PDB file of all heavy atoms in Angstrom:
ATOM      1  N   ARG A   1     101.286  89.826 102.338  1.00  0.00           N
ATOM      2  CA  ARG A   1     100.254  88.874 102.641  1.00  0.00           C
ATOM      3  C   ARG A   1      99.169  88.722 101.538  1.00  0.00           C
ATOM      4  O   ARG A   1      98.109  88.065 101.579  1.00  0.00           O
ATOM      5  CB  ARG A   1      99.468  89.171 103.917  1.00  0.00           C
ATOM      6  CG  ARG A   1     100.458  89.083 105.176  1.00  0.00           C
ATOM      7  CD  ARG A   1      99.652  89.302 106.372  1.00  0.00           C
ATOM      8  NE  ARG A   1      98.631  88.307 106.689  1.00  0.00           N
ATOM      9  CZ  ARG A   1      97.761  88.311 107.707  1.00  0.00           C
ATOM     10  NH1 ARG A   1      97.952  89.212 108.580  1.00  0.00           N
ATOM     11  NH2 ARG A   1      96.935  87.321 107.813  1.00  0.00           N
ATOM     12  N   GLY A   2      99.474  89.452 100.316  1.00  0.00           N
ATOM     13  CA  GLY A   2      98.635  89.233  99.139  1.00  0.00           C
ATOM     14  C   GLY A   2      97.654  90.304  98.888  1.00  0.00           C
ATOM     15  O   GLY A   2      97.012  90.193  97.848  1.00  0.00           O
ATOM     16  N   GLU A   3      97.666  91.370  99.653  1.00  0.00           N
ATOM     17  CA  GLU A   3      96.724  92.308  99.409  1.00  0.00           C
ATOM     18  C   GLU A   3      97.220  93.211  98.236  1.00  0.00           C
ATOM     19  O   GLU A   3      98.460  93.435  98.075  1.00  0.00           O
ATOM     20  CB  GLU A   3      96.540  93.364 100.649  1.00  0.00           C
ATOM     21  CG  GLU A   3      95.795  92.555 101.695  1.00  0.00           C
ATOM     22  CD  GLU A   3      95.307  93.498 102.874  1.00  0.00           C
ATOM     23  OE1 GLU A   3      96.039  94.529 103.163  1.00  0.00           O
ATOM     24  OE2 GLU A   3      94.197  93.236 103.412  1.00  0.00           O
ATOM     25  N   ARG A   4      96.252  93.711  97.358  1.00  0.00           N
ATOM     26  CA  ARG A   4      96.638  94.454  96.169  1.00  0.00           C
ATOM     27  C   ARG A   4      95.817  95.678  96.127  1.00  0.00           C
ATOM     28  O   ARG A   4      95.183  96.063  95.121  1.00  0.00           O
ATOM     29  CB  ARG A   4      96.412  93.597  95.054  1.00  0.00           C
ATOM     30  CG  ARG A   4      97.283  92.410  94.856  1.00  0.00           C
ATOM     31  CD  ARG A   4      98.766  92.803  94.700  1.00  0.00           C
ATOM     32  NE  ARG A   4      99.681  91.695  94.670  1.00  0.00           N
ATOM     33  CZ  ARG A   4     100.438  91.173  95.679  1.00  0.00           C
ATOM     34  NH1 ARG A   4     100.173  91.695  96.886  1.00  0.00           N
ATOM     35  NH2 ARG A   4     101.192  90.273  95.515  1.00  0.00           N
ATOM     36  N   GLY A   5      95.796  96.497  97.267  1.00  0.00           N
ATOM     37  CA  GLY A   5      95.016  97.759  97.275  1.00  0.00           C
ATOM     38  C   GLY A   5      93.806  97.633  98.284  1.00  0.00           C
ATOM     39  O   GLY A   5      93.414  96.547  98.511  1.00  0.00           O
ATOM     40  N   THR A   6      93.342  98.845  98.702  1.00  0.00           N
ATOM     41  CA  THR A   6      92.269  98.883  99.626  1.00  0.00           C
ATOM     42  C   THR A   6      91.137  99.689  99.246  1.00  0.00           C
ATOM     43  O   THR A   6      90.137  99.908 100.001  1.00  0.00           O
ATOM     44  CB  THR A   6      92.841  99.264 101.067  1.00  0.00           C
ATOM     45  OG1 THR A   6      93.344 100.634 100.911  1.00  0.00           O
ATOM     46  CG2 THR A   6      93.977  98.468 101.620  1.00  0.00           C
ATOM     47  N   ALA A   7      91.290 100.332  98.049  1.00  0.00           N
ATOM     48  CA  ALA A   7      90.286 101.334  97.694  1.00  0.00           C
ATOM     49  C   ALA A   7      88.846 100.809  97.612  1.00  0.00           C
ATOM     50  O   ALA A   7      87.878 101.503  97.821  1.00  0.00           O
ATOM     51  CB  ALA A   7      90.637 101.918  96.296  1.00  0.00           C
ATOM     52  N   CYS A   8      88.652  99.493  97.282  1.00  0.00           N
ATOM     53  CA  CYS A   8      87.322  98.962  97.036  1.00  0.00           C
ATOM     54  C   CYS A   8      86.872  98.309  98.295  1.00  0.00           C
ATOM     55  O   CYS A   8      85.710  97.744  98.329  1.00  0.00           O
ATOM     56  CB  CYS A   8      87.271  97.975  95.909  1.00  0.00           C
ATOM     57  SG  CYS A   8      87.874  96.383  96.177  1.00  0.00           S
ATOM     58  N   LEU A   9      87.552  98.334  99.405  1.00  0.00           N
ATOM     59  CA  LEU A   9      87.329  97.426 100.478  1.00  0.00           C
ATOM     60  C   LEU A   9      86.436  98.156 101.636  1.00  0.00           C
ATOM     61  O   LEU A   9      87.096  99.050 102.422  1.00  0.00           O
ATOM     62  CB  LEU A   9      88.573  96.866 101.205  1.00  0.00           C
ATOM     63  CG  LEU A   9      89.439  96.015 100.253  1.00  0.00           C
ATOM     64  CD1 LEU A   9      90.586  95.576 100.979  1.00  0.00           C
ATOM     65  CD2 LEU A   9      88.575  94.791  99.622  1.00  0.00           C
ATOM     66  N   PRO A  10      85.238  97.974 101.934  1.00  0.00           N
ATOM     67  CA  PRO A  10      84.440  98.453 103.047  1.00  0.00           C
ATOM     68  C   PRO A  10      85.114  98.335 104.309  1.00  0.00           C
ATOM     69  O   PRO A  10      85.646  97.161 104.647  1.00  0.00           O
ATOM     70  CB  PRO A  10      83.094  97.832 102.781  1.00  0.00           C
ATOM     71  CG  PRO A  10      82.960  97.365 101.523  1.00  0.00           C
ATOM     72  CD  PRO A  10      84.396  96.900 101.116  1.00  0.00           C
ATOM     73  N   GLY A  11      85.116  99.286 105.095  1.00  0.00           N
ATOM     74  CA  GLY A  11      85.723  99.228 106.404  1.00  0.00           C
ATOM     75  C   GLY A  11      87.207  99.584 106.467  1.00  0.00           C
ATOM     76  O   GLY A  11      87.668  99.640 107.547  1.00  0.00           O
ATOM     77  N   ARG A  12      87.811  99.807 105.327  1.00  0.00           N
ATOM     78  CA  ARG A  12      89.271 100.122 105.239  1.00  0.00           C
ATOM     79  C   ARG A  12      89.407 101.586 104.782  1.00  0.00           C
ATOM     80  O   ARG A  12      90.637 101.966 104.467  1.00  0.00           O
ATOM     81  CB  ARG A  12      89.894  99.116 104.358  1.00  0.00           C
ATOM     82  CG  ARG A  12      89.806  97.734 104.718  1.00  0.00           C
ATOM     83  CD  ARG A  12      90.731  97.185 105.760  1.00  0.00           C
ATOM     84  NE  ARG A  12      92.174  97.275 105.401  1.00  0.00           N
ATOM     85  CZ  ARG A  12      92.808  96.263 104.807  1.00  0.00           C
ATOM     86  NH1 ARG A  12      91.989  95.124 104.424  1.00  0.00           N
ATOM     87  NH2 ARG A  12      94.048  96.384 104.423  1.00  0.00           N
ATOM     88  N   GLU A  13      88.336 102.410 104.886  1.00  0.00           N
ATOM     89  CA  GLU A  13      88.570 103.758 104.353  1.00  0.00           C
ATOM     90  C   GLU A  13      89.619 104.567 105.057  1.00  0.00           C
ATOM     91  O   GLU A  13      90.382 105.251 104.396  1.00  0.00           O
ATOM     92  CB  GLU A  13      87.139 104.514 104.454  1.00  0.00           C
ATOM     93  CG  GLU A  13      86.142 103.900 103.528  1.00  0.00           C
ATOM     94  CD  GLU A  13      85.319 102.724 104.067  1.00  0.00           C
ATOM     95  OE1 GLU A  13      85.679 102.200 105.182  1.00  0.00           O
ATOM     96  OE2 GLU A  13      84.255 102.292 103.507  1.00  0.00           O
ATOM     97  N   SER A  14      89.643 104.514 106.353  1.00  0.00           N
ATOM     98  CA  SER A  14      90.606 105.258 107.155  1.00  0.00           C
ATOM     99  C   SER A  14      92.033 104.866 106.711  1.00  0.00           C
ATOM    100  O   SER A  14      92.930 105.792 106.603  1.00  0.00           O
ATOM    101  CB  SER A  14      90.453 105.126 108.599  1.00  0.00           C
ATOM    102  OG  SER A  14      89.241 105.676 109.065  1.00  0.00           O
ATOM    103  N   GLU A  15      92.217 103.645 106.673  1.00  0.00           N
ATOM    104  CA  GLU A  15      93.591 103.091 106.164  1.00  0.00           C
ATOM    105  C   GLU A  15      93.873 103.584 104.777  1.00  0.00           C
ATOM    106  O   GLU A  15      95.032 104.084 104.527  1.00  0.00           O
ATOM    107  CB  GLU A  15      93.615 101.527 106.249  1.00  0.00           C
ATOM    108  CG  GLU A  15      94.879 101.035 105.750  1.00  0.00           C
ATOM    109  CD  GLU A  15      94.868  99.401 105.652  1.00  0.00           C
ATOM    110  OE1 GLU A  15      93.866  98.878 106.234  1.00  0.00           O
ATOM    111  OE2 GLU A  15      95.781  98.887 105.131  1.00  0.00           O
ATOM    112  N   PHE A  16      92.907 103.491 103.880  1.00  0.00           N
ATOM    113  CA  PHE A  16      93.177 104.043 102.466  1.00  0.00           C
ATOM    114  C   PHE A  16      93.571 105.534 102.581  1.00  0.00           C
ATOM    115  O   PHE A  16      94.473 105.845 101.905  1.00  0.00           O
ATOM    116  CB  PHE A  16      91.966 103.806 101.713  1.00  0.00           C
ATOM    117  CG  PHE A  16      91.984 104.509 100.272  1.00  0.00           C
ATOM    118  CD1 PHE A  16      92.615 103.968  99.344  1.00  0.00           C
ATOM    119  CD2 PHE A  16      91.519 105.813 100.208  1.00  0.00           C
ATOM    120  CE1 PHE A  16      92.799 104.494  98.063  1.00  0.00           C
ATOM    121  CE2 PHE A  16      91.527 106.474  98.880  1.00  0.00           C
ATOM    122  CZ  PHE A  16      92.239 105.781  97.791  1.00  0.00           C
ATOM    123  N   ARG A  17      92.877 106.293 103.361  1.00  0.00           N
ATOM    124  CA  ARG A  17      93.097 107.762 103.300  1.00  0.00           C
ATOM    125  C   ARG A  17      94.466 108.054 103.895  1.00  0.00           C
ATOM    126  O   ARG A  17      95.190 108.958 103.417  1.00  0.00           O
ATOM    127  CB  ARG A  17      91.921 108.488 104.028  1.00  0.00           C
ATOM    128  CG  ARG A  17      90.710 108.350 103.270  1.00  0.00           C
ATOM    129  CD  ARG A  17      89.558 109.059 103.843  1.00  0.00           C
ATOM    130  NE  ARG A  17      88.220 108.986 103.087  1.00  0.00           N
ATOM    131  CZ  ARG A  17      87.251 109.723 103.143  1.00  0.00           C
ATOM    132  NH1 ARG A  17      87.302 110.770 104.018  1.00  0.00           N
ATOM    133  NH2 ARG A  17      86.200 109.585 102.365  1.00  0.00           N
ATOM    134  N   GLU A  18      94.764 107.336 105.057  1.00  0.00           N
ATOM    135  CA  GLU A  18      96.059 107.677 105.655  1.00  0.00           C
ATOM    136  C   GLU A  18      97.179 107.235 104.650  1.00  0.00           C
ATOM    137  O   GLU A  18      98.150 108.017 104.596  1.00  0.00           O
ATOM    138  CB  GLU A  18      96.182 106.727 106.978  1.00  0.00           C
ATOM    139  CG  GLU A  18      97.456 106.930 107.632  1.00  0.00           C
ATOM    140  CD  GLU A  18      97.503 106.045 108.955  1.00  0.00           C
ATOM    141  OE1 GLU A  18      96.438 105.548 109.358  1.00  0.00           O
ATOM    142  OE2 GLU A  18      98.717 105.921 109.416  1.00  0.00           O
ATOM    143  N   GLY A  19      97.027 106.123 104.010  1.00  0.00           N
ATOM    144  CA  GLY A  19      98.045 105.755 103.002  1.00  0.00           C
ATOM    145  C   GLY A  19      98.187 106.734 101.857  1.00  0.00           C
ATOM    146  O   GLY A  19      99.227 106.912 101.380  1.00  0.00           O
ATOM    147  N   PHE A  20      97.056 107.114 101.373  1.00  0.00           N
ATOM    148  CA  PHE A  20      97.062 108.084 100.238  1.00  0.00           C
ATOM    149  C   PHE A  20      97.818 109.408 100.661  1.00  0.00           C
ATOM    150  O   PHE A  20      98.602 110.055  99.837  1.00  0.00           O
ATOM    151  CB  PHE A  20      95.762 108.360  99.666  1.00  0.00           C
ATOM    152  CG  PHE A  20      95.785 109.134  98.392  1.00  0.00           C
ATOM    153  CD1 PHE A  20      96.074 108.481  97.166  1.00  0.00           C
ATOM    154  CD2 PHE A  20      95.566 110.511  98.382  1.00  0.00           C
ATOM    155  CE1 PHE A  20      96.259 109.192  96.007  1.00  0.00           C
ATOM    156  CE2 PHE A  20      95.684 111.217  97.121  1.00  0.00           C
ATOM    157  CZ  PHE A  20      96.021 110.566  95.923  1.00  0.00           C
ATOM    158  N   LEU A  21      97.548 109.889 101.824  1.00  0.00           N
ATOM    159  CA  LEU A  21      98.268 111.131 102.266  1.00  0.00           C
ATOM    160  C   LEU A  21      99.695 110.901 102.355  1.00  0.00           C
ATOM    161  O   LEU A  21     100.493 111.845 102.066  1.00  0.00           O
ATOM    162  CB  LEU A  21      97.668 111.656 103.568  1.00  0.00           C
ATOM    163  CG  LEU A  21      96.175 112.155 103.551  1.00  0.00           C
ATOM    164  CD1 LEU A  21      95.682 112.400 104.970  1.00  0.00           C
ATOM    165  CD2 LEU A  21      95.992 113.288 102.645  1.00  0.00           C
ATOM    166  N   ARG A  22     100.063 109.780 102.835  1.00  0.00           N
ATOM    167  CA  ARG A  22     101.514 109.396 102.740  1.00  0.00           C
ATOM    168  C   ARG A  22     102.068 109.440 101.378  1.00  0.00           C
ATOM    169  O   ARG A  22     103.202 109.960 101.142  1.00  0.00           O
ATOM    170  CB  ARG A  22     101.778 107.999 103.392  1.00  0.00           C
ATOM    171  CG  ARG A  22     103.244 107.709 103.671  1.00  0.00           C
ATOM    172  CD  ARG A  22     103.403 106.300 104.206  1.00  0.00           C
ATOM    173  NE  ARG A  22     104.776 106.116 104.508  1.00  0.00           N
ATOM    174  CZ  ARG A  22     105.283 104.816 104.642  1.00  0.00           C
ATOM    175  NH1 ARG A  22     104.492 103.767 104.595  1.00  0.00           N
ATOM    176  NH2 ARG A  22     106.564 104.650 104.949  1.00  0.00           N
ATOM    177  N   ALA A  23     101.275 108.906 100.438  1.00  0.00           N
ATOM    178  CA  ALA A  23     101.683 108.888  99.022  1.00  0.00           C
ATOM    179  C   ALA A  23     101.900 110.369  98.493  1.00  0.00           C
ATOM    180  O   ALA A  23     102.806 110.657  97.764  1.00  0.00           O
ATOM    181  CB  ALA A  23     100.796 108.109  98.184  1.00  0.00           C
ATOM    182  N   LEU A  24     101.049 111.235  98.930  1.00  0.00           N
ATOM    183  CA  LEU A  24     101.157 112.639  98.468  1.00  0.00           C
ATOM    184  C   LEU A  24     102.345 113.254  98.985  1.00  0.00           C
ATOM    185  O   LEU A  24     103.005 114.157  98.430  1.00  0.00           O
ATOM    186  CB  LEU A  24      99.939 113.340  98.886  1.00  0.00           C
ATOM    187  CG  LEU A  24      98.547 113.207  98.062  1.00  0.00           C
ATOM    188  CD1 LEU A  24      97.526 114.069  98.750  1.00  0.00           C
ATOM    189  CD2 LEU A  24      98.823 113.753  96.680  1.00  0.00           C
ATOM    190  N   GLU A  25     102.861 112.928 100.278  1.00  0.00           N
ATOM    191  CA  GLU A  25     104.070 113.455 100.795  1.00  0.00           C
ATOM    192  C   GLU A  25     105.232 112.961  99.884  1.00  0.00           C
ATOM    193  O   GLU A  25     106.028 113.800  99.674  1.00  0.00           O
ATOM    194  CB  GLU A  25     104.223 112.960 102.305  1.00  0.00           C
ATOM    195  CG  GLU A  25     103.180 113.532 103.198  1.00  0.00           C
ATOM    196  CD  GLU A  25     103.352 112.960 104.640  1.00  0.00           C
ATOM    197  OE1 GLU A  25     104.179 112.067 104.764  1.00  0.00           O
ATOM    198  OE2 GLU A  25     102.576 113.338 105.523  1.00  0.00           O
ATOM    199  N   TYR A  26     105.264 111.784  99.504  1.00  0.00           N
ATOM    200  CA  TYR A  26     106.340 111.318  98.731  1.00  0.00           C
ATOM    201  C   TYR A  26     106.241 111.966  97.314  1.00  0.00           C
ATOM    202  O   TYR A  26     107.314 112.353  96.743  1.00  0.00           O
ATOM    203  CB  TYR A  26     106.246 109.801  98.558  1.00  0.00           C
ATOM    204  CG  TYR A  26     107.114 109.031  99.585  1.00  0.00           C
ATOM    205  CD1 TYR A  26     106.582 108.786 100.886  1.00  0.00           C
ATOM    206  CD2 TYR A  26     108.302 108.575  99.373  1.00  0.00           C
ATOM    207  CE1 TYR A  26     107.304 108.126 101.784  1.00  0.00           C
ATOM    208  CE2 TYR A  26     109.104 107.849 100.210  1.00  0.00           C
ATOM    209  CZ  TYR A  26     108.630 107.616 101.590  1.00  0.00           C
ATOM    210  OH  TYR A  26     109.318 106.921 102.521  1.00  0.00           O
ATOM    211  N   ALA A  27     105.044 112.086  96.753  1.00  0.00           N
ATOM    212  CA  ALA A  27     104.915 112.793  95.453  1.00  0.00           C
ATOM    213  C   ALA A  27     105.523 114.114  95.514  1.00  0.00           C
ATOM    214  O   ALA A  27     106.183 114.605  94.525  1.00  0.00           O
ATOM    215  CB  ALA A  27     103.539 112.736  95.067  1.00  0.00           C
TER     216      ALA A  27
END
């Protein structure tokens, strides 16, 4: 839908953190 990251978006902090923890699992 055109999103290109959430790190700068207020109100999306929980989503950002959940996604990053998933990235760490893949890493």
